[in-house]
């Protein structure tokens, strides 16, 4: 019976303390609720940012892969077209301007990629953008072959044009492979 009375007294003391400090207790509980809400919102925001960054990264990779695939196809066409003599024209016209618009427009987003992806992609595009400069060394001096926007290359240096394209092709393929591998694992 003594234990029951003691429990009752403890409960009464607890009730009196609660009545006296109910504003303080409500403030503490409210503060804890606010902190929990902030933590949960921060986690949700981080998840949302990570999902958005992943989507941007995936889109960037996909665009670069597609552009590099087009460049790769054009290099292969040049290599095959100039390597297999059928009826080769005395001159071939190579464009002075490289079409790498995706790269140019998305360069500022390369921070989304891994270091390895950036390295391989930058090397590939540096070579792609450098191609016209290399071909200028092989440019025909014959004024009859001049065309605005093109580099005329004569038959006697076709093998060099093939060698340049062939040597650059491996870097393009490597960049595509690195980007595709990252795309699959992300």
N, C-alpha and C. Protein backbone atom coordinates (compact mmCIF):
# COMPACT_ATOMS: atom_id res chain seq x y z
N UNK A 1 0.81 -1.19 0.00
CA UNK A 1 0.00 0.00 0.00
C UNK A 1 0.87 1.27 0.00
N UNK A 2 2.01 1.15 0.76
CA UNK A 2 2.93 2.28 0.81
C UNK A 2 3.48 2.60 -0.59
N UNK A 3 3.75 1.56 -1.37
CA UNK A 3 4.28 1.75 -2.72
C UNK A 3 3.24 2.43 -3.60
N UNK A 4 1.99 2.08 -3.44
CA UNK A 4 0.92 2.70 -4.22
C UNK A 4 0.78 4.17 -3.90
N UNK A 5 0.92 4.53 -2.61
CA UNK A 5 0.82 5.92 -2.18
C UNK A 5 2.00 6.72 -2.74
N UNK A 6 3.17 6.08 -2.72
CA UNK A 6 4.37 6.75 -3.24
C UNK A 6 4.22 7.03 -4.74
N UNK A 7 3.72 6.04 -5.43
CA UNK A 7 3.51 6.23 -6.87
C UNK A 7 2.53 7.38 -7.13
N UNK A 8 1.49 7.43 -6.32
CA UNK A 8 0.50 8.47 -6.46
C UNK A 8 1.12 9.85 -6.22
N UNK A 9 1.96 9.97 -5.17
CA UNK A 9 2.62 11.24 -4.85
C UNK A 9 3.56 11.66 -5.99
N UNK A 10 4.26 10.68 -6.55
CA UNK A 10 5.18 10.98 -7.65
C UNK A 10 4.38 11.50 -8.85
N UNK A 11 3.26 10.87 -9.09
CA UNK A 11 2.41 11.29 -10.20
C UNK A 11 1.89 12.70 -9.96
N UNK A 12 1.49 13.01 -8.75
CA UNK A 12 1.00 14.35 -8.43
C UNK A 12 2.10 15.40 -8.60
N UNK A 13 3.33 15.06 -8.18
CA UNK A 13 4.45 15.98 -8.33
C UNK A 13 4.71 16.21 -9.82
N UNK A 14 4.66 15.13 -10.56
CA UNK A 14 4.87 15.20 -12.01
C UNK A 14 3.83 16.10 -12.67
N UNK A 15 2.56 15.95 -12.23
CA UNK A 15 1.47 16.76 -12.79
C UNK A 15 1.67 18.23 -12.43
N UNK A 16 2.09 18.50 -11.18
CA UNK A 16 2.34 19.89 -10.76
C UNK A 16 3.49 20.51 -11.56
N UNK A 17 4.56 19.72 -11.75
CA UNK A 17 5.69 20.22 -12.54
C UNK A 17 5.25 20.49 -13.98
N UNK A 18 4.47 19.60 -14.52
CA UNK A 18 4.00 19.77 -15.90
C UNK A 18 3.16 21.03 -16.02
N UNK A 19 2.23 21.26 -15.04
CA UNK A 19 1.38 22.45 -15.08
C UNK A 19 2.25 23.72 -15.01
N UNK A 20 3.27 23.69 -14.16
CA UNK A 20 4.10 24.86 -13.96
C UNK A 20 5.01 25.13 -15.17
N UNK A 21 5.51 24.06 -15.78
CA UNK A 21 6.47 24.22 -16.88
C UNK A 21 5.92 23.79 -18.25
N UNK A 22 4.62 23.77 -18.39
CA UNK A 22 4.04 23.27 -19.66
C UNK A 22 4.44 24.13 -20.86
N UNK A 23 4.56 25.40 -20.71
CA UNK A 23 4.99 26.28 -21.81
C UNK A 23 6.42 25.94 -22.22
N UNK A 24 7.27 25.75 -21.21
CA UNK A 24 8.66 25.40 -21.49
C UNK A 24 8.75 24.04 -22.19
N UNK A 25 8.01 23.06 -21.70
CA UNK A 25 8.01 21.71 -22.30
C UNK A 25 7.48 21.77 -23.73
N UNK A 26 6.41 22.52 -23.94
CA UNK A 26 5.85 22.66 -25.29
C UNK A 26 6.87 23.32 -26.22
N UNK A 27 7.61 24.31 -25.70
CA UNK A 27 8.65 24.97 -26.50
C UNK A 27 9.76 24.00 -26.89
N UNK A 28 10.18 23.18 -25.95
CA UNK A 28 11.24 22.18 -26.22
C UNK A 28 10.75 21.20 -27.28
N UNK A 29 9.54 20.69 -27.11
CA UNK A 29 8.99 19.73 -28.08
C UNK A 29 8.85 20.38 -29.46
N UNK A 30 8.41 21.62 -29.48
CA UNK A 30 8.28 22.34 -30.75
C UNK A 30 9.64 22.54 -31.42
N UNK A 31 10.64 22.90 -30.61
CA UNK A 31 11.99 23.09 -31.14
C UNK A 31 12.54 21.78 -31.73
N UNK A 32 12.33 20.69 -31.03
CA UNK A 32 12.77 19.38 -31.52
C UNK A 32 12.06 19.05 -32.83
N UNK A 33 10.77 19.36 -32.90
CA UNK A 33 10.01 19.13 -34.13
C UNK A 33 10.55 19.94 -35.31
N UNK A 34 10.89 21.19 -35.05
CA UNK A 34 11.45 22.05 -36.10
C UNK A 34 12.78 21.49 -36.58
N UNK A 35 13.64 21.09 -35.66
CA UNK A 35 14.95 20.53 -36.02
C UNK A 35 14.77 19.26 -36.85
N UNK A 36 13.88 18.38 -36.44
CA UNK A 36 13.62 17.15 -37.20
C UNK A 36 13.10 17.47 -38.60
N UNK A 37 12.23 18.44 -38.71
CA UNK A 37 11.70 18.85 -40.02
C UNK A 37 12.82 19.38 -40.91
N UNK A 38 13.70 20.20 -40.34
CA UNK A 38 14.82 20.73 -41.12
C UNK A 38 15.75 19.61 -41.60
N UNK A 39 16.03 18.65 -40.73
CA UNK A 39 16.90 17.52 -41.11
C UNK A 39 16.26 16.70 -42.22
N UNK A 40 14.99 16.41 -42.10
CA UNK A 40 14.28 15.62 -43.11
C UNK A 40 14.22 16.37 -44.44
N UNK A 41 13.92 17.67 -44.38
CA UNK A 41 13.89 18.48 -45.62
C UNK A 41 15.26 18.55 -46.28
N UNK A 42 16.32 18.66 -45.48
CA UNK A 42 17.68 18.70 -46.03
C UNK A 42 18.01 17.38 -46.73
N UNK A 43 17.64 16.27 -46.13
CA UNK A 43 17.88 14.96 -46.77
C UNK A 43 17.10 14.84 -48.07
N UNK A 44 15.85 15.27 -48.06
CA UNK A 44 15.04 15.21 -49.28
C UNK A 44 15.62 16.10 -50.38
N UNK A 45 16.08 17.28 -50.00
CA UNK A 45 16.68 18.22 -50.96
C UNK A 45 17.97 17.61 -51.54
N UNK A 46 18.76 16.98 -50.70
CA UNK A 46 20.00 16.35 -51.18
C UNK A 46 19.69 15.21 -52.16
N UNK A 47 18.69 14.41 -51.84
CA UNK A 47 18.28 13.34 -52.76
C UNK A 47 17.82 13.92 -54.09
N UNK A 48 17.07 15.00 -54.03
CA UNK A 48 16.58 15.65 -55.25
C UNK A 48 17.74 16.21 -56.08
N UNK A 49 18.70 16.87 -55.41
CA UNK A 49 19.88 17.40 -56.11
C UNK A 49 20.69 16.28 -56.74
N UNK A 50 20.88 15.19 -56.00
CA UNK A 50 21.64 14.05 -56.54
C UNK A 50 20.94 13.45 -57.76
N UNK A 51 19.63 13.33 -57.70
CA UNK A 51 18.87 12.80 -58.83
C UNK A 51 18.97 13.74 -60.03
N UNK A 52 18.90 15.04 -59.79
CA UNK A 52 19.02 16.02 -60.87
C UNK A 52 20.42 15.98 -61.49
N UNK A 53 21.45 15.90 -60.65
CA UNK A 53 22.83 15.82 -61.16
C UNK A 53 23.02 14.54 -61.96
N UNK A 54 22.45 13.45 -61.51
CA UNK A 54 22.56 12.18 -62.25
C UNK A 54 21.90 12.30 -63.61
N UNK A 55 20.73 12.92 -63.66
CA UNK A 55 20.05 13.12 -64.94
C UNK A 55 20.86 14.00 -65.88
N UNK A 56 21.44 15.07 -65.35
CA UNK A 56 22.28 15.95 -66.17
C UNK A 56 23.52 15.21 -66.67
N UNK A 57 24.13 14.43 -65.78
CA UNK A 57 25.32 13.66 -66.13
C UNK A 57 25.00 12.65 -67.23
N UNK A 58 23.88 11.95 -67.06
CA UNK A 58 23.47 10.95 -68.07
C UNK A 58 23.19 11.61 -69.41
N UNK A 59 22.52 12.75 -69.39
CA UNK A 59 22.21 13.46 -70.64
C UNK A 59 23.50 13.96 -71.30
N UNK A 60 24.42 14.47 -70.52
CA UNK A 60 25.70 14.94 -71.04
C UNK A 60 26.47 13.79 -71.71
N UNK A 61 26.54 12.67 -71.00
CA UNK A 61 27.24 11.51 -71.57
C UNK A 61 26.59 11.07 -72.87
N UNK A 62 25.27 10.99 -72.88
CA UNK A 62 24.56 10.53 -74.06
C UNK A 62 24.83 11.45 -75.26
N UNK A 63 24.79 12.75 -75.04
CA UNK A 63 25.04 13.70 -76.13
C UNK A 63 26.47 13.58 -76.64
N UNK A 64 27.43 13.47 -75.73
CA UNK A 64 28.83 13.33 -76.15
C UNK A 64 29.05 12.03 -76.90
N UNK A 65 28.46 10.96 -76.41
CA UNK A 65 28.59 9.66 -77.08
C UNK A 65 28.06 9.75 -78.50
N UNK A 66 26.89 10.36 -78.66
CA UNK A 66 26.28 10.44 -79.99
C UNK A 66 27.14 11.27 -80.94
N UNK A 67 27.65 12.40 -80.45
CA UNK A 67 28.48 13.23 -81.32
C UNK A 67 29.79 12.51 -81.66
N UNK A 68 30.40 11.86 -80.68
CA UNK A 68 31.64 11.12 -80.95
C UNK A 68 31.40 9.96 -81.91
N UNK A 69 30.25 9.33 -81.82
CA UNK A 69 29.91 8.25 -82.75
C UNK A 69 29.81 8.77 -84.18
N UNK A 70 29.22 9.95 -84.34
CA UNK A 70 29.14 10.56 -85.68
C UNK A 70 30.53 10.89 -86.22
N UNK A 71 31.37 11.43 -85.35
CA UNK A 71 32.74 11.75 -85.76
C UNK A 71 33.49 10.47 -86.11
N UNK A 72 33.32 9.45 -85.29
CA UNK A 72 33.96 8.16 -85.55
C UNK A 72 33.53 7.61 -86.91
N UNK A 73 32.24 7.68 -87.19
CA UNK A 73 31.73 7.19 -88.49
C UNK A 73 32.33 7.96 -89.66
N UNK A 74 32.47 9.28 -89.49
CA UNK A 74 33.04 10.07 -90.59
C UNK A 74 34.52 9.74 -90.77
N UNK A 75 35.23 9.50 -89.68
CA UNK A 75 36.65 9.12 -89.79
C UNK A 75 36.79 7.77 -90.49
N UNK A 76 35.95 6.84 -90.12
CA UNK A 76 35.99 5.51 -90.75
C UNK A 76 35.68 5.62 -92.24
N UNK A 77 34.72 6.47 -92.58
CA UNK A 77 34.37 6.66 -94.00
C UNK A 77 35.55 7.23 -94.77
N UNK A 78 36.26 8.19 -94.18
CA UNK A 78 37.43 8.76 -94.85
C UNK A 78 38.51 7.69 -95.00
N UNK A 79 38.77 6.95 -93.93
CA UNK A 79 39.81 5.91 -93.96
C UNK A 79 39.49 4.87 -95.03
N UNK A 80 38.25 4.38 -95.02
CA UNK A 80 37.86 3.36 -96.01
C UNK A 80 37.83 3.93 -97.42
N UNK A 81 37.33 5.14 -97.55
CA UNK A 81 37.22 5.75 -98.88
C UNK A 81 38.56 6.02 -99.53
N UNK A 82 39.54 6.37 -98.74
CA UNK A 82 40.86 6.69 -99.30
C UNK A 82 41.83 5.50 -99.28
N UNK A 83 41.48 4.47 -98.55
CA UNK A 83 42.37 3.30 -98.46
C UNK A 83 42.13 2.29 -99.56
N UNK A 84 40.91 2.23 -100.03
CA UNK A 84 40.55 1.23 -101.05
C UNK A 84 40.45 1.93 -102.40
N UNK A 85 41.56 1.92 -103.13
CA UNK A 85 41.54 2.64 -104.42
C UNK A 85 40.61 1.97 -105.42
N UNK A 86 39.60 2.67 -105.79
CA UNK A 86 38.70 2.24 -106.85
C UNK A 86 38.97 3.21 -107.99
N UNK A 87 38.30 4.29 -107.93
CA UNK A 87 38.59 5.40 -108.84
C UNK A 87 38.70 6.63 -107.98
N UNK A 88 39.88 6.82 -107.46
CA UNK A 88 40.08 7.97 -106.58
C UNK A 88 40.20 9.24 -107.39
N UNK A 89 39.53 10.25 -106.91
CA UNK A 89 39.59 11.56 -107.56
C UNK A 89 40.97 12.16 -107.32
N UNK A 90 41.40 13.05 -108.18
CA UNK A 90 42.72 13.65 -108.00
C UNK A 90 42.80 14.58 -106.78
N UNK A 91 41.66 14.98 -106.29
CA UNK A 91 41.64 15.85 -105.12
C UNK A 91 40.42 15.51 -104.25
N UNK A 92 40.62 15.63 -102.94
CA UNK A 92 39.53 15.42 -102.00
C UNK A 92 39.42 16.68 -101.15
N UNK A 93 38.19 17.06 -100.83
CA UNK A 93 37.96 18.28 -100.06
C UNK A 93 37.58 17.92 -98.63
N UNK A 94 38.39 18.40 -97.70
CA UNK A 94 38.15 18.17 -96.28
C UNK A 94 37.63 19.48 -95.68
N UNK A 95 36.59 19.42 -94.84
CA UNK A 95 36.04 20.65 -94.26
C UNK A 95 37.06 21.35 -93.35
N UNK A 96 37.08 22.68 -93.42
CA UNK A 96 37.97 23.46 -92.57
C UNK A 96 37.43 23.55 -91.13
N UNK A 97 36.14 23.42 -91.01
CA UNK A 97 35.52 23.55 -89.68
C UNK A 97 35.00 22.19 -89.24
N UNK A 98 35.38 21.83 -88.03
CA UNK A 98 34.95 20.57 -87.44
C UNK A 98 33.61 20.80 -86.74
N UNK A 99 32.68 19.91 -86.96
CA UNK A 99 31.38 20.02 -86.30
C UNK A 99 31.45 19.29 -84.96
N UNK A 100 31.59 20.07 -83.91
CA UNK A 100 31.65 19.56 -82.54
C UNK A 100 30.83 20.49 -81.66
N UNK A 101 29.62 20.77 -82.11
CA UNK A 101 28.77 21.75 -81.41
C UNK A 101 28.34 21.27 -80.04
N UNK A 102 28.07 19.98 -79.90
CA UNK A 102 27.67 19.45 -78.59
C UNK A 102 28.79 19.70 -77.59
N UNK A 103 29.99 19.35 -78.00
CA UNK A 103 31.16 19.57 -77.14
C UNK A 103 31.30 21.04 -76.77
N UNK A 104 31.22 21.91 -77.74
CA UNK A 104 31.39 23.34 -77.49
C UNK A 104 30.32 23.89 -76.54
N UNK A 105 29.10 23.42 -76.71
CA UNK A 105 28.01 23.95 -75.89
C UNK A 105 27.96 23.35 -74.49
N UNK A 106 28.45 22.12 -74.35
CA UNK A 106 28.34 21.44 -73.06
C UNK A 106 29.65 21.40 -72.28
N UNK A 107 30.67 22.04 -72.78
CA UNK A 107 31.98 22.03 -72.13
C UNK A 107 31.90 22.53 -70.69
N UNK A 108 31.05 23.51 -70.44
CA UNK A 108 30.92 24.06 -69.08
C UNK A 108 30.26 23.08 -68.10
N UNK A 109 29.75 21.95 -68.59
CA UNK A 109 29.12 20.96 -67.71
C UNK A 109 30.03 19.75 -67.46
N UNK A 110 31.26 19.80 -67.92
CA UNK A 110 32.16 18.67 -67.76
C UNK A 110 32.46 18.35 -66.29
N UNK A 111 32.20 19.29 -65.40
CA UNK A 111 32.39 19.04 -63.97
C UNK A 111 31.49 17.94 -63.44
N UNK A 112 30.46 17.58 -64.19
CA UNK A 112 29.57 16.50 -63.78
C UNK A 112 30.18 15.12 -64.02
N UNK A 113 31.21 15.07 -64.87
CA UNK A 113 31.82 13.79 -65.24
C UNK A 113 32.98 13.45 -64.31
N UNK A 114 33.38 12.18 -64.34
CA UNK A 114 34.54 11.76 -63.56
C UNK A 114 35.81 12.28 -64.21
N UNK A 115 36.89 12.24 -63.47
CA UNK A 115 38.18 12.72 -63.98
C UNK A 115 38.58 11.92 -65.22
N UNK A 116 38.42 10.62 -65.17
CA UNK A 116 38.78 9.76 -66.31
C UNK A 116 37.93 10.09 -67.54
N UNK A 117 36.64 10.31 -67.35
CA UNK A 117 35.76 10.67 -68.46
C UNK A 117 36.20 12.00 -69.09
N UNK A 118 36.50 12.96 -68.24
CA UNK A 118 36.93 14.27 -68.74
C UNK A 118 38.24 14.14 -69.50
N UNK A 119 39.19 13.41 -68.94
CA UNK A 119 40.49 13.25 -69.59
C UNK A 119 40.34 12.64 -70.98
N UNK A 120 39.66 11.52 -71.07
CA UNK A 120 39.52 10.81 -72.34
C UNK A 120 38.72 11.63 -73.35
N UNK A 121 37.66 12.29 -72.90
CA UNK A 121 36.83 13.08 -73.79
C UNK A 121 37.58 14.32 -74.28
N UNK A 122 38.30 14.97 -73.39
CA UNK A 122 39.06 16.16 -73.77
C UNK A 122 40.16 15.82 -74.78
N UNK A 123 40.84 14.71 -74.57
CA UNK A 123 41.89 14.29 -75.51
C UNK A 123 41.27 14.03 -76.88
N UNK A 124 40.17 13.29 -76.90
CA UNK A 124 39.51 12.97 -78.17
C UNK A 124 39.09 14.24 -78.91
N UNK A 125 38.44 15.16 -78.21
CA UNK A 125 37.98 16.38 -78.86
C UNK A 125 39.13 17.30 -79.25
N UNK A 126 40.19 17.30 -78.45
CA UNK A 126 41.34 18.12 -78.83
C UNK A 126 41.90 17.65 -80.17
N UNK A 127 41.98 16.35 -80.34
CA UNK A 127 42.46 15.81 -81.61
C UNK A 127 41.48 16.10 -82.75
N UNK A 128 40.20 15.95 -82.47
CA UNK A 128 39.17 16.22 -83.48
C UNK A 128 39.26 17.68 -83.94
N UNK A 129 39.37 18.59 -82.99
CA UNK A 129 39.43 20.01 -83.33
C UNK A 129 40.76 20.39 -83.99
N UNK A 130 41.77 19.59 -83.76
CA UNK A 130 43.09 19.84 -84.34
C UNK A 130 43.22 19.31 -85.77
N UNK A 131 42.33 18.44 -86.19
CA UNK A 131 42.42 17.80 -87.51
C UNK A 131 42.58 18.80 -88.66
N UNK A 132 41.75 19.84 -88.76
CA UNK A 132 41.93 20.77 -89.88
C UNK A 132 43.32 21.41 -89.91
N UNK A 133 43.88 21.69 -88.74
CA UNK A 133 45.22 22.28 -88.70
C UNK A 133 46.26 21.30 -89.25
N UNK A 134 46.12 20.06 -88.92
CA UNK A 134 47.05 19.04 -89.44
C UNK A 134 46.89 18.88 -90.94
N UNK A 135 45.64 18.93 -91.40
CA UNK A 135 45.40 18.75 -92.83
C UNK A 135 45.90 19.94 -93.65
N UNK A 136 46.00 21.10 -93.03
CA UNK A 136 46.51 22.28 -93.75
C UNK A 136 47.96 22.06 -94.22
N UNK A 137 48.70 21.23 -93.49
CA UNK A 137 50.07 20.92 -93.91
C UNK A 137 50.09 20.11 -95.21
N UNK A 138 48.98 19.44 -95.48
CA UNK A 138 48.88 18.61 -96.69
C UNK A 138 48.10 19.30 -97.80
N UNK A 139 47.66 20.49 -97.55
CA UNK A 139 46.80 21.24 -98.48
C UNK A 139 47.48 21.45 -99.84
N UNK A 140 46.69 21.26 -100.87
CA UNK A 140 47.17 21.47 -102.23
C UNK A 140 47.43 22.95 -102.46
N UNK A 141 48.50 23.23 -103.18
CA UNK A 141 48.83 24.61 -103.53
C UNK A 141 48.26 24.99 -104.89
N UNK A 142 47.61 24.06 -105.53
CA UNK A 142 47.01 24.30 -106.84
C UNK A 142 45.78 25.20 -106.66
N UNK A 143 45.83 26.38 -107.22
CA UNK A 143 44.74 27.36 -107.06
C UNK A 143 43.45 26.89 -107.72
N UNK A 144 43.51 26.00 -108.67
CA UNK A 144 42.31 25.49 -109.33
C UNK A 144 41.46 24.64 -108.39
N UNK A 145 42.09 24.14 -107.34
CA UNK A 145 41.37 23.29 -106.39
C UNK A 145 40.77 24.06 -105.22
N UNK A 146 40.96 25.36 -105.18
CA UNK A 146 40.48 26.15 -104.06
C UNK A 146 38.96 26.14 -103.98
N UNK A 147 38.43 25.92 -102.77
CA UNK A 147 36.99 26.04 -102.47
C UNK A 147 36.84 26.63 -101.09
N UNK A 148 35.99 27.60 -100.97
CA UNK A 148 35.76 28.25 -99.68
C UNK A 148 35.24 27.22 -98.67
N UNK A 149 35.87 27.21 -97.49
CA UNK A 149 35.42 26.33 -96.41
C UNK A 149 36.01 24.93 -96.46
N UNK A 150 36.88 24.65 -97.43
CA UNK A 150 37.43 23.30 -97.57
C UNK A 150 38.94 23.34 -97.74
N UNK A 151 39.57 22.24 -97.36
CA UNK A 151 41.00 22.06 -97.55
C UNK A 151 41.16 21.03 -98.67
N UNK A 152 41.70 21.45 -99.83
CA UNK A 152 41.90 20.49 -100.91
C UNK A 152 43.15 19.65 -100.66
N UNK A 153 42.99 18.33 -100.76
CA UNK A 153 44.09 17.41 -100.54
C UNK A 153 44.23 16.56 -101.81
N UNK A 154 45.44 16.51 -102.35
CA UNK A 154 45.67 15.79 -103.60
C UNK A 154 45.96 14.31 -103.35
N UNK A 155 45.79 13.54 -104.40
CA UNK A 155 45.90 12.08 -104.40
C UNK A 155 47.22 11.59 -103.79
N UNK A 156 48.31 12.26 -104.05
CA UNK A 156 49.62 11.77 -103.59
C UNK A 156 49.79 11.81 -102.07
N UNK A 157 48.91 12.50 -101.34
CA UNK A 157 49.01 12.54 -99.87
C UNK A 157 47.80 11.87 -99.19
N UNK A 158 46.98 11.18 -99.95
CA UNK A 158 45.83 10.50 -99.36
C UNK A 158 46.25 9.56 -98.22
N UNK A 159 47.36 8.86 -98.40
CA UNK A 159 47.81 7.92 -97.37
C UNK A 159 48.11 8.64 -96.06
N UNK A 160 48.59 9.87 -96.13
CA UNK A 160 48.85 10.65 -94.92
C UNK A 160 47.54 11.08 -94.25
N UNK A 161 46.57 11.41 -95.07
CA UNK A 161 45.24 11.77 -94.53
C UNK A 161 44.65 10.57 -93.80
N UNK A 162 44.81 9.38 -94.40
CA UNK A 162 44.33 8.15 -93.77
C UNK A 162 45.07 7.92 -92.45
N UNK A 163 46.38 8.10 -92.45
CA UNK A 163 47.18 7.88 -91.23
C UNK A 163 46.76 8.83 -90.11
N UNK A 164 46.51 10.08 -90.45
CA UNK A 164 46.08 11.05 -89.43
C UNK A 164 44.73 10.63 -88.85
N UNK A 165 43.78 10.34 -89.71
CA UNK A 165 42.45 9.92 -89.24
C UNK A 165 42.55 8.65 -88.40
N UNK A 166 43.35 7.71 -88.86
CA UNK A 166 43.50 6.43 -88.17
C UNK A 166 44.13 6.63 -86.79
N UNK A 167 45.12 7.49 -86.70
CA UNK A 167 45.78 7.71 -85.40
C UNK A 167 44.86 8.43 -84.42
N UNK A 168 43.97 9.27 -84.90
CA UNK A 168 43.04 9.99 -84.02
C UNK A 168 41.85 9.10 -83.62
N UNK A 169 41.53 8.14 -84.43
CA UNK A 169 40.34 7.31 -84.22
C UNK A 169 40.39 6.55 -82.90
N UNK A 170 41.55 6.07 -82.50
CA UNK A 170 41.64 5.29 -81.26
C UNK A 170 41.26 6.13 -80.03
N UNK A 171 41.62 7.40 -80.03
CA UNK A 171 41.25 8.27 -78.91
C UNK A 171 39.74 8.50 -78.86
N UNK A 172 39.14 8.61 -80.03
CA UNK A 172 37.68 8.79 -80.09
C UNK A 172 36.98 7.54 -79.57
N UNK A 173 37.43 6.39 -80.00
CA UNK A 173 36.83 5.12 -79.55
C UNK A 173 37.02 4.95 -78.04
N UNK A 174 38.19 5.31 -77.55
CA UNK A 174 38.46 5.20 -76.12
C UNK A 174 37.53 6.10 -75.32
N UNK A 175 37.32 7.32 -75.77
CA UNK A 175 36.41 8.25 -75.08
C UNK A 175 34.98 7.70 -75.08
N UNK A 176 34.55 7.17 -76.21
CA UNK A 176 33.20 6.58 -76.30
C UNK A 176 33.08 5.44 -75.30
N UNK A 177 34.07 4.56 -75.26
CA UNK A 177 34.03 3.41 -74.35
C UNK A 177 33.97 3.83 -72.89
N UNK A 178 34.76 4.83 -72.52
CA UNK A 178 34.76 5.31 -71.13
C UNK A 178 33.41 5.92 -70.77
N UNK A 179 32.85 6.73 -71.67
CA UNK A 179 31.55 7.35 -71.42
C UNK A 179 30.44 6.30 -71.34
N UNK A 180 30.47 5.32 -72.24
CA UNK A 180 29.45 4.26 -72.23
C UNK A 180 29.54 3.41 -70.95
N UNK A 181 30.76 3.10 -70.53
CA UNK A 181 30.94 2.30 -69.31
C UNK A 181 30.40 3.06 -68.09
N UNK A 182 30.67 4.34 -68.03
CA UNK A 182 30.16 5.17 -66.92
C UNK A 182 28.64 5.27 -66.98
N UNK A 183 28.11 5.34 -68.17
CA UNK A 183 26.65 5.43 -68.35
C UNK A 183 25.98 4.17 -67.83
N UNK A 184 26.60 3.02 -68.08
CA UNK A 184 26.01 1.75 -67.65
C UNK A 184 26.06 1.58 -66.13
N UNK A 185 27.08 2.11 -65.50
CA UNK A 185 27.24 1.92 -64.04
C UNK A 185 26.58 3.01 -63.22
N UNK A 186 26.10 4.07 -63.87
CA UNK A 186 25.50 5.15 -63.06
C UNK A 186 24.05 4.87 -62.74
